[in-house]
Amino acid sequence: MAVSSDEITWRRFSKSFAWLANVFRKDSLILKSGNELQARAVVANVNPKLLYLQLMDPKDLPGEFLERMKGYKCGSATFRMNVALSRLPRFSVLPEAGPHHGSGIIMAPSLDYMDRAYLDARAEGIAGAPIVEMVIQSTLDASLAPRGAHVASLFCQHFAPEADWPGRRQEAIDRIFDVVEEHAPGFRQSVIAHTALSPADLEREFGLTGGDIFHGALTLDQLFWARPALGYADYRGPLKGLYHCGSGAHPGGGVTGAPGHNAAHAIIADQRRRLNRRR
């Protein structure tokens, strides 16, 4: 059964239900409806900070682990957009249609440009000239748009998660479009419609804490054996039967599938040991 993160809370069985321990590992999943799901293993694909600070009773967690989760760093400097276009963008440096339209197109001409975008966001909340990566999906799948039209996504940096997004959302959109227009004249005129997701939107709509698509900052103190916490990098949570399979587990985000692959092996190993003990 699939359930979304905002529909669940975590609860351990009390000692009065200890007779269920051998079957359900003393754990259950409670839906907002009140229905209770019981399983030998619960596999969490949500941000560890969201899981442990909002979906679980803190009294069930070891004190040191709880403090680690309170200090777990999350945040994203990305602003995401999807655009519907009446025609294919024509880039000044290579205006004709070609293989480049089917690639990731990064509009950030130098390291100094990227550094300035970062420093602007730190100082003012929004980059003056954002880094924009465009992917035009309809060049690879023509069924995504009518003939001659296209759809594209824009992955943009840097934008501070704590900025006043209700008041500055349109400002960010305008700056992003300015960058694309500079590299592909006529882009603004070709935009039929668009959607935009600020870091705040990403958190509200998708449960990404701080808008963090990687479920936690990829810094040295949150990588390898310390992801999500020292002693818990083997995909097993602090409660028996709870596992981490998302980007908050090693090796982090990037659409590799590796956290889920490794978590599956940990679950299989634990279940095999359980079965061997019963024989």
C-alpha atoms as a PDB file:
ATOM      1  CA  MET A   1       0.000   0.000   0.000  1.00  0.00           C
ATOM      2  CA  ALA A   2       1.389   3.436  -0.934  1.00  0.00           C
ATOM      3  CA  VAL A   3       0.791   6.345   1.437  1.00  0.00           C
ATOM      4  CA  SER A   4       2.117   9.904   1.204  1.00  0.00           C
ATOM      5  CA  SER A   5       4.307  11.413   3.901  1.00  0.00           C
ATOM      6  CA  ASP A   6       1.667  13.921   4.982  1.00  0.00           C
ATOM      7  CA  GLU A   7      -0.836  11.119   5.654  1.00  0.00           C
ATOM      8  CA  ILE A   8       1.159   9.232   8.233  1.00  0.00           C
ATOM      9  CA  THR A   9       2.509   9.379  11.715  1.00  0.00           C
ATOM     10  CA  TRP A  10       4.731   6.782  13.311  1.00  0.00           C
ATOM     11  CA  ARG A  11       3.844   4.972  16.528  1.00  0.00           C
ATOM     12  CA  ARG A  12       5.433   2.123  18.417  1.00  0.00           C
ATOM     13  CA  PHE A  13       3.323  -0.556  20.057  1.00  0.00           C
ATOM     14  CA  SER A  14       3.218  -0.255  23.835  1.00  0.00           C
ATOM     15  CA  LYS A  15       4.473  -3.075  26.057  1.00  0.00           C
ATOM     16  CA  SER A  16       0.926  -4.363  26.410  1.00  0.00           C
ATOM     17  CA  PHE A  17       1.176  -5.479  22.781  1.00  0.00           C
ATOM     18  CA  ALA A  18       4.543  -7.188  23.206  1.00  0.00           C
ATOM     19  CA  TRP A  19       3.026 -10.459  22.052  1.00  0.00           C
ATOM     20  CA  LEU A  20       3.030  -9.007  18.525  1.00  0.00           C
ATOM     21  CA  ALA A  21       6.751  -8.276  18.603  1.00  0.00           C
ATOM     22  CA  ASN A  22       7.878 -11.340  16.693  1.00  0.00           C
ATOM     23  CA  VAL A  23       5.563 -10.522  13.811  1.00  0.00           C
ATOM     24  CA  PHE A  24       5.382  -6.733  13.655  1.00  0.00           C
ATOM     25  CA  ARG A  25       8.623  -5.600  15.289  1.00  0.00           C
ATOM     26  CA  LYS A  26       6.528  -3.594  17.793  1.00  0.00           C
ATOM     27  CA  ASP A  27       5.861  -1.033  15.079  1.00  0.00           C
ATOM     28  CA  SER A  28       2.893   0.214  13.121  1.00  0.00           C
ATOM     29  CA  LEU A  29       1.982   2.991  10.732  1.00  0.00           C
ATOM     30  CA  ILE A  30      -1.038   5.124  11.603  1.00  0.00           C
ATOM     31  CA  LEU A  31      -2.960   6.953   8.877  1.00  0.00           C
ATOM     32  CA  LYS A  32      -4.790  10.183   9.601  1.00  0.00           C
ATOM     33  CA  SER A  33      -7.986   8.223   9.061  1.00  0.00           C
ATOM     34  CA  GLY A  34      -7.066   6.178  12.128  1.00  0.00           C
ATOM     35  CA  ASN A  35      -6.382   3.016  10.150  1.00  0.00           C
ATOM     36  CA  GLU A  36      -3.313   1.135  11.291  1.00  0.00           C
ATOM     37  CA  LEU A  37      -0.882  -0.647   9.006  1.00  0.00           C
ATOM     38  CA  GLN A  38       1.373  -3.318  10.453  1.00  0.00           C
ATOM     39  CA  ALA A  39       4.509  -4.653   8.818  1.00  0.00           C
ATOM     40  CA  ARG A  40       7.846  -6.269   9.521  1.00  0.00           C
ATOM     41  CA  ALA A  41       9.583  -3.377   7.800  1.00  0.00           C
ATOM     42  CA  VAL A  42       8.700   0.245   7.095  1.00  0.00           C
ATOM     43  CA  VAL A  43      10.834   1.885   4.415  1.00  0.00           C
ATOM     44  CA  ALA A  44      10.964   5.687   4.493  1.00  0.00           C
ATOM     45  CA  ASN A  45      11.726   7.706   1.371  1.00  0.00           C
ATOM     46  CA  VAL A  46      11.161  11.113   2.985  1.00  0.00           C
ATOM     47  CA  ASN A  47      13.670  13.645   4.278  1.00  0.00           C
ATOM     48  CA  PRO A  48      15.068  12.282   7.586  1.00  0.00           C
ATOM     49  CA  LYS A  49      14.383  15.610   9.309  1.00  0.00           C
ATOM     50  CA  LEU A  50      10.731  15.456   8.253  1.00  0.00           C
ATOM     51  CA  LEU A  51      10.476  11.804   9.235  1.00  0.00           C
ATOM     52  CA  TYR A  52      11.917  12.113  12.725  1.00  0.00           C
ATOM     53  CA  LEU A  53      10.762  15.583  13.751  1.00  0.00           C
ATOM     54  CA  GLN A  54       7.241  15.603  12.293  1.00  0.00           C
ATOM     55  CA  LEU A  55       6.094  12.028  11.722  1.00  0.00           C
ATOM     56  CA  MET A  56       7.361  10.372  14.878  1.00  0.00           C
ATOM     57  CA  ASP A  57       7.037  10.757  18.632  1.00  0.00           C
ATOM     58  CA  PRO A  58      10.353  12.225  19.840  1.00  0.00           C
ATOM     59  CA  LYS A  59      10.077  10.148  23.041  1.00  0.00           C
ATOM     60  CA  ASP A  60      10.709   7.043  20.932  1.00  0.00           C
ATOM     61  CA  LEU A  61      14.065   8.317  19.672  1.00  0.00           C
ATOM     62  CA  PRO A  62      17.500   8.162  21.326  1.00  0.00           C
ATOM     63  CA  GLY A  63      18.393  11.610  22.680  1.00  0.00           C
ATOM     64  CA  GLU A  64      21.645  11.943  20.757  1.00  0.00           C
ATOM     65  CA  PHE A  65      19.965  10.939  17.506  1.00  0.00           C
ATOM     66  CA  LEU A  66      17.110  13.389  18.087  1.00  0.00           C
ATOM     67  CA  GLU A  67      19.580  16.239  18.590  1.00  0.00           C
ATOM     68  CA  ARG A  68      21.363  15.260  15.394  1.00  0.00           C
ATOM     69  CA  MET A  69      18.081  15.453  13.473  1.00  0.00           C
ATOM     70  CA  LYS A  70      17.306  18.876  14.944  1.00  0.00           C
ATOM     71  CA  GLY A  71      20.656  20.077  13.584  1.00  0.00           C
ATOM     72  CA  TYR A  72      20.395  18.212  10.265  1.00  0.00           C
ATOM     73  CA  LYS A  73      20.946  20.808   7.544  1.00  0.00           C
ATOM     74  CA  CYS A  74      18.370  21.166   4.785  1.00  0.00           C
ATOM     75  CA  GLY A  75      17.858  23.878   2.217  1.00  0.00           C
ATOM     76  CA  SER A  76      17.930  24.429  -1.500  1.00  0.00           C
ATOM     77  CA  ALA A  77      18.918  27.425  -3.585  1.00  0.00           C
ATOM     78  CA  THR A  78      16.907  26.201  -6.565  1.00  0.00           C
ATOM     79  CA  PHE A  79      13.873  27.671  -8.287  1.00  0.00           C
ATOM     80  CA  ARG A  80      12.085  25.339 -10.693  1.00  0.00           C
ATOM     81  CA  MET A  81      10.012  26.313 -13.722  1.00  0.00           C
ATOM     82  CA  ASN A  82       8.135  24.553 -16.505  1.00  0.00           C
ATOM     83  CA  VAL A  83       7.307  26.480 -19.677  1.00  0.00           C
ATOM     84  CA  ALA A  84       5.095  25.826 -22.684  1.00  0.00           C
ATOM     85  CA  LEU A  85       6.595  27.356 -25.835  1.00  0.00           C
ATOM     86  CA  SER A  86       5.114  28.207 -29.216  1.00  0.00           C
ATOM     87  CA  ARG A  87       8.424  27.427 -30.916  1.00  0.00           C
ATOM     88  CA  LEU A  88      11.897  26.042 -30.303  1.00  0.00           C
ATOM     89  CA  PRO A  89      14.279  28.515 -28.636  1.00  0.00           C
ATOM     90  CA  ARG A  90      16.947  29.893 -30.968  1.00  0.00           C
ATOM     91  CA  PHE A  91      20.223  30.466 -29.137  1.00  0.00           C
ATOM     92  CA  SER A  92      22.488  33.254 -30.341  1.00  0.00           C
ATOM     93  CA  VAL A  93      25.598  31.083 -30.330  1.00  0.00           C
ATOM     94  CA  LEU A  94      23.934  28.240 -32.261  1.00  0.00           C
ATOM     95  CA  PRO A  95      20.561  29.379 -33.647  1.00  0.00           C
ATOM     96  CA  GLU A  96      19.649  26.457 -35.858  1.00  0.00           C
ATOM     97  CA  ALA A  97      17.936  23.323 -34.555  1.00  0.00           C
ATOM     98  CA  GLY A  98      20.425  20.647 -33.603  1.00  0.00           C
ATOM     99  CA  PRO A  99      21.573  18.093 -31.033  1.00  0.00           C
ATOM    100  CA  HIS A 100      22.154  20.833 -28.458  1.00  0.00           C
ATOM    101  CA  HIS A 101      18.387  21.258 -28.142  1.00  0.00           C
ATOM    102  CA  GLY A 102      18.181  17.699 -26.838  1.00  0.00           C
ATOM    103  CA  SER A 103      20.830  18.286 -24.168  1.00  0.00           C
ATOM    104  CA  GLY A 104      20.987  20.094 -20.861  1.00  0.00           C
ATOM    105  CA  ILE A 105      21.643  23.725 -21.800  1.00  0.00           C
ATOM    106  CA  ILE A 106      23.383  25.659 -19.014  1.00  0.00           C
ATOM    107  CA  MET A 107      23.243  29.439 -19.191  1.00  0.00           C
ATOM    108  CA  ALA A 108      26.152  30.394 -16.927  1.00  0.00           C
ATOM    109  CA  PRO A 109      29.125  31.561 -19.002  1.00  0.00           C
ATOM    110  CA  SER A 110      31.842  31.490 -16.328  1.00  0.00           C
ATOM    111  CA  LEU A 111      32.779  30.467 -12.789  1.00  0.00           C
ATOM    112  CA  ASP A 112      32.763  34.152 -11.829  1.00  0.00           C
ATOM    113  CA  TYR A 113      29.162  34.379 -13.079  1.00  0.00           C
ATOM    114  CA  MET A 114      28.192  31.368 -10.942  1.00  0.00           C
ATOM    115  CA  ASP A 115      29.979  32.766  -7.908  1.00  0.00           C
ATOM    116  CA  ARG A 116      28.197  36.100  -8.324  1.00  0.00           C
ATOM    117  CA  ALA A 117      24.811  34.344  -8.454  1.00  0.00           C
ATOM    118  CA  TYR A 118      25.633  32.627  -5.165  1.00  0.00           C
ATOM    119  CA  LEU A 119      26.891  35.775  -3.465  1.00  0.00           C
ATOM    120  CA  ASP A 120      23.864  37.764  -4.645  1.00  0.00           C
ATOM    121  CA  ALA A 121      21.518  35.199  -3.159  1.00  0.00           C
ATOM    122  CA  ARG A 122      23.356  35.237   0.161  1.00  0.00           C
ATOM    123  CA  ALA A 123      23.242  39.011   0.328  1.00  0.00           C
ATOM    124  CA  GLU A 124      19.878  39.805  -1.261  1.00  0.00           C
ATOM    125  CA  GLY A 125      17.924  36.521  -1.372  1.00  0.00           C
ATOM    126  CA  ILE A 126      17.809  36.300  -5.181  1.00  0.00           C
ATOM    127  CA  ALA A 127      20.595  36.158  -7.771  1.00  0.00           C
ATOM    128  CA  GLY A 128      20.751  39.234  -9.979  1.00  0.00           C
ATOM    129  CA  ALA A 129      21.572  37.013 -12.965  1.00  0.00           C
ATOM    130  CA  PRO A 130      20.603  33.419 -12.074  1.00  0.00           C
ATOM    131  CA  ILE A 131      22.214  30.243 -13.340  1.00  0.00           C
ATOM    132  CA  VAL A 132      19.641  28.612 -15.625  1.00  0.00           C
ATOM    133  CA  GLU A 133      19.718  25.069 -16.943  1.00  0.00           C
ATOM    134  CA  MET A 134      17.136  24.332 -19.625  1.00  0.00           C
ATOM    135  CA  VAL A 135      15.987  20.904 -20.747  1.00  0.00           C
ATOM    136  CA  ILE A 136      13.571  20.781 -23.703  1.00  0.00           C
ATOM    137  CA  GLN A 137      11.856  17.436 -23.195  1.00  0.00           C
ATOM    138  CA  SER A 138       9.699  17.678 -26.315  1.00  0.00           C
ATOM    139  CA  THR A 139      12.770  17.437 -28.546  1.00  0.00           C
ATOM    140  CA  LEU A 140      13.096  13.843 -27.334  1.00  0.00           C
ATOM    141  CA  ASP A 141       9.381  13.015 -27.017  1.00  0.00           C
ATOM    142  CA  ALA A 142       7.227  14.773 -29.620  1.00  0.00           C
ATOM    143  CA  SER A 143       4.024  13.607 -27.913  1.00  0.00           C
ATOM    144  CA  LEU A 144       4.573  16.149 -25.112  1.00  0.00           C
ATOM    145  CA  ALA A 145       3.525  19.147 -27.236  1.00  0.00           C
ATOM    146  CA  PRO A 146       1.566  19.952 -30.424  1.00  0.00           C
ATOM    147  CA  ARG A 147       3.512  19.970 -33.675  1.00  0.00           C
ATOM    148  CA  GLY A 148       5.891  22.932 -33.755  1.00  0.00           C
ATOM    149  CA  ALA A 149       5.390  23.741 -30.061  1.00  0.00           C
ATOM    150  CA  HIS A 150       7.600  22.621 -27.173  1.00  0.00           C
ATOM    151  CA  VAL A 151       7.790  22.185 -23.416  1.00  0.00           C
ATOM    152  CA  ALA A 152      10.878  22.832 -21.323  1.00  0.00           C
ATOM    153  CA  SER A 153      11.967  22.813 -17.705  1.00  0.00           C
ATOM    154  CA  LEU A 154      14.234  25.406 -16.100  1.00  0.00           C
ATOM    155  CA  PHE A 155      16.436  24.490 -13.142  1.00  0.00           C
ATOM    156  CA  CYS A 156      17.611  27.795 -11.686  1.00  0.00           C
ATOM    157  CA  GLN A 157      20.069  28.954  -9.001  1.00  0.00           C
ATOM    158  CA  HIS A 158      20.664  30.725  -6.588  1.00  0.00           C
ATOM    159  CA  PHE A 159      17.614  31.639  -4.514  1.00  0.00           C
ATOM    160  CA  ALA A 160      17.607  31.708  -0.708  1.00  0.00           C
ATOM    161  CA  PRO A 161      15.001  29.413   0.900  1.00  0.00           C
ATOM    162  CA  GLU A 162      14.298  32.049   3.564  1.00  0.00           C
ATOM    163  CA  ALA A 163      13.533  34.857   1.087  1.00  0.00           C
ATOM    164  CA  ASP A 164      10.115  36.551   1.128  1.00  0.00           C
ATOM    165  CA  TRP A 165       8.685  34.298  -1.553  1.00  0.00           C
ATOM    166  CA  PRO A 166       5.095  35.581  -1.609  1.00  0.00           C
ATOM    167  CA  GLY A 167       6.511  39.039  -2.329  1.00  0.00           C
ATOM    168  CA  ARG A 168       9.452  38.116  -4.584  1.00  0.00           C
ATOM    169  CA  ARG A 169       8.236  35.154  -6.608  1.00  0.00           C
ATOM    170  CA  GLN A 170       7.435  37.209  -9.733  1.00  0.00           C
ATOM    171  CA  GLU A 171      10.753  39.039  -9.399  1.00  0.00           C
ATOM    172  CA  ALA A 172      12.564  35.714  -9.539  1.00  0.00           C
ATOM    173  CA  ILE A 173      10.572  34.635 -12.603  1.00  0.00           C
ATOM    174  CA  ASP A 174      11.400  37.884 -14.395  1.00  0.00           C
ATOM    175  CA  ARG A 175      15.125  37.529 -13.676  1.00  0.00           C
ATOM    176  CA  ILE A 176      15.122  33.943 -14.942  1.00  0.00           C
ATOM    177  CA  PHE A 177      13.334  34.941 -18.146  1.00  0.00           C
ATOM    178  CA  ASP A 178      15.781  37.845 -18.597  1.00  0.00           C
ATOM    179  CA  VAL A 179      18.707  35.401 -18.569  1.00  0.00           C
ATOM    180  CA  VAL A 180      17.097  33.068 -21.111  1.00  0.00           C
ATOM    181  CA  GLU A 181      16.077  36.015 -23.300  1.00  0.00           C
ATOM    182  CA  GLU A 182      19.682  37.234 -23.348  1.00  0.00           C
ATOM    183  CA  HIS A 183      20.889  33.875 -24.696  1.00  0.00           C
ATOM    184  CA  ALA A 184      17.829  33.051 -26.833  1.00  0.00           C
ATOM    185  CA  PRO A 185      16.259  36.286 -28.157  1.00  0.00           C
ATOM    186  CA  GLY A 186      12.515  35.964 -28.620  1.00  0.00           C
ATOM    187  CA  PHE A 187      12.127  33.462 -25.786  1.00  0.00           C
ATOM    188  CA  ARG A 188       9.736  35.643 -23.767  1.00  0.00           C
ATOM    189  CA  GLN A 189       7.449  36.095 -26.754  1.00  0.00           C
ATOM    190  CA  SER A 190       7.339  32.316 -27.288  1.00  0.00           C
ATOM    191  CA  VAL A 191       6.169  31.550 -23.736  1.00  0.00           C
ATOM    192  CA  ILE A 192       2.536  30.418 -23.858  1.00  0.00           C
ATOM    193  CA  ALA A 193       2.275  29.466 -20.186  1.00  0.00           C
ATOM    194  CA  HIS A 194       4.490  28.634 -17.241  1.00  0.00           C
ATOM    195  CA  THR A 195       4.521  27.220 -13.735  1.00  0.00           C
ATOM    196  CA  ALA A 196       7.015  28.237 -11.067  1.00  0.00           C
ATOM    197  CA  LEU A 197       8.155  26.622  -7.823  1.00  0.00           C
ATOM    198  CA  SER A 198      10.196  28.607  -5.310  1.00  0.00           C
ATOM    199  CA  PRO A 199      11.985  26.802  -2.454  1.00  0.00           C
ATOM    200  CA  ALA A 200       8.928  27.587  -0.297  1.00  0.00           C
ATOM    201  CA  ASP A 201       6.605  26.112  -2.940  1.00  0.00           C
ATOM    202  CA  LEU A 202       8.736  22.950  -3.120  1.00  0.00           C
ATOM    203  CA  GLU A 203       8.389  22.512   0.640  1.00  0.00           C
ATOM    204  CA  ARG A 204       4.662  23.232   0.761  1.00  0.00           C
ATOM    205  CA  GLU A 205       3.637  21.159  -2.264  1.00  0.00           C
ATOM    206  CA  PHE A 206       6.095  18.254  -2.103  1.00  0.00           C
ATOM    207  CA  GLY A 207       7.243  18.126   1.525  1.00  0.00           C
ATOM    208  CA  LEU A 208      10.833  19.006   0.572  1.00  0.00           C
ATOM    209  CA  THR A 209      12.187  20.572   3.755  1.00  0.00           C
ATOM    210  CA  GLY A 210      13.642  23.959   2.841  1.00  0.00           C
ATOM    211  CA  GLY A 211      12.958  23.048  -0.785  1.00  0.00           C
ATOM    212  CA  ASP A 212      15.838  20.565  -0.547  1.00  0.00           C
ATOM    213  CA  ILE A 213      15.583  18.065  -3.405  1.00  0.00           C
ATOM    214  CA  PHE A 214      18.501  16.085  -1.927  1.00  0.00           C
ATOM    215  CA  HIS A 215      16.818  15.511   1.472  1.00  0.00           C
ATOM    216  CA  GLY A 216      19.727  17.158   3.294  1.00  0.00           C
ATOM    217  CA  ALA A 217      22.784  19.225   2.462  1.00  0.00           C
ATOM    218  CA  LEU A 218      25.569  17.293   0.738  1.00  0.00           C
ATOM    219  CA  THR A 219      28.272  18.578   3.076  1.00  0.00           C
ATOM    220  CA  LEU A 220      31.127  16.541   4.553  1.00  0.00           C
ATOM    221  CA  ASP A 221      29.385  16.239   7.932  1.00  0.00           C
ATOM    222  CA  GLN A 222      26.313  14.737   6.238  1.00  0.00           C
ATOM    223  CA  LEU A 223      27.936  12.321   3.777  1.00  0.00           C
ATOM    224  CA  PHE A 224      29.157   8.708   3.766  1.00  0.00           C
ATOM    225  CA  TRP A 225      29.063   7.234   7.302  1.00  0.00           C
ATOM    226  CA  ALA A 226      27.329  10.382   8.645  1.00  0.00           C
ATOM    227  CA  ARG A 227      24.257  10.258   6.382  1.00  0.00           C
ATOM    228  CA  PRO A 228      21.836  10.770   7.959  1.00  0.00           C
ATOM    229  CA  ALA A 229      23.722  10.344  11.256  1.00  0.00           C
ATOM    230  CA  LEU A 230      26.752   8.559  12.658  1.00  0.00           C
ATOM    231  CA  GLY A 231      25.804   4.989  13.455  1.00  0.00           C
ATOM    232  CA  TYR A 232      22.810   5.016  11.097  1.00  0.00           C
ATOM    233  CA  ALA A 233      24.423   5.048   7.662  1.00  0.00           C
ATOM    234  CA  ASP A 234      23.585   1.361   7.109  1.00  0.00           C
ATOM    235  CA  TYR A 235      20.003   2.262   6.028  1.00  0.00           C
ATOM    236  CA  ARG A 236      18.578   1.153   9.389  1.00  0.00           C
ATOM    237  CA  GLY A 237      16.814   3.710  11.559  1.00  0.00           C
ATOM    238  CA  PRO A 238      16.932   3.930  15.363  1.00  0.00           C
ATOM    239  CA  LEU A 239      13.723   1.874  15.632  1.00  0.00           C
ATOM    240  CA  LYS A 240      13.909  -1.778  14.705  1.00  0.00           C
ATOM    241  CA  GLY A 241      12.190  -2.399  11.384  1.00  0.00           C
ATOM    242  CA  LEU A 242      12.533   1.181  10.122  1.00  0.00           C
ATOM    243  CA  TYR A 243      14.757   1.780   7.089  1.00  0.00           C
ATOM    244  CA  HIS A 244      15.957   4.775   5.051  1.00  0.00           C
ATOM    245  CA  CYS A 245      15.807   4.419   1.250  1.00  0.00           C
ATOM    246  CA  GLY A 246      15.759   8.010  -0.007  1.00  0.00           C
ATOM    247  CA  SER A 247      18.245  10.753  -0.772  1.00  0.00           C
ATOM    248  CA  GLY A 248      18.769  11.311   2.950  1.00  0.00           C
ATOM    249  CA  ALA A 249      20.699   8.032   2.983  1.00  0.00           C
ATOM    250  CA  HIS A 250      24.113   7.323   1.436  1.00  0.00           C
ATOM    251  CA  PRO A 251      25.146   8.289  -1.241  1.00  0.00           C
ATOM    252  CA  GLY A 252      22.596  11.120  -1.295  1.00  0.00           C
ATOM    253  CA  GLY A 253      20.582  12.650  -4.131  1.00  0.00           C
ATOM    254  CA  GLY A 254      21.141  12.612  -7.858  1.00  0.00           C
ATOM    255  CA  VAL A 255      18.570  10.093  -9.172  1.00  0.00           C
ATOM    256  CA  THR A 256      20.984   7.168  -8.909  1.00  0.00           C
ATOM    257  CA  GLY A 257      18.627   4.695  -7.252  1.00  0.00           C
ATOM    258  CA  ALA A 258      21.563   3.683  -5.047  1.00  0.00           C
ATOM    259  CA  PRO A 259      19.947   4.462  -1.657  1.00  0.00           C
ATOM    260  CA  GLY A 260      16.940   2.282  -2.479  1.00  0.00           C
ATOM    261  CA  HIS A 261      19.125  -0.490  -3.893  1.00  0.00           C
ATOM    262  CA  ASN A 262      21.294  -0.547  -0.789  1.00  0.00           C
ATOM    263  CA  ALA A 263      18.326  -0.315   1.579  1.00  0.00           C
ATOM    264  CA  ALA A 264      16.719  -3.301  -0.138  1.00  0.00           C
ATOM    265  CA  HIS A 265      19.836  -5.361   0.513  1.00  0.00           C
ATOM    266  CA  ALA A 266      19.799  -4.327   4.190  1.00  0.00           C
ATOM    267  CA  ILE A 267      16.126  -5.336   4.519  1.00  0.00           C
ATOM    268  CA  ILE A 268      16.694  -8.683   2.797  1.00  0.00           C
ATOM    269  CA  ALA A 269      19.674  -9.413   5.055  1.00  0.00           C
ATOM    270  CA  ASP A 270      17.643  -8.637   8.183  1.00  0.00           C
ATOM    271  CA  GLN A 271      14.701 -10.739   7.047  1.00  0.00           C
ATOM    272  CA  ARG A 272      16.996 -13.665   6.278  1.00  0.00           C
ATOM    273  CA  ARG A 273      18.483 -13.458   9.776  1.00  0.00           C
ATOM    274  CA  ARG A 274      14.981 -13.369  11.238  1.00  0.00           C
ATOM    275  CA  LEU A 275      13.949 -16.460   9.303  1.00  0.00           C
ATOM    276  CA  ASN A 276      17.146 -18.307  10.218  1.00  0.00           C
ATOM    277  CA  ARG A 277      16.521 -17.672  13.918  1.00  0.00           C
ATOM    278  CA  ARG A 278      13.053 -19.224  13.607  1.00  0.00           C
ATOM    279  CA  ARG A 279      14.378 -22.444  12.100  1.00  0.00           C
END
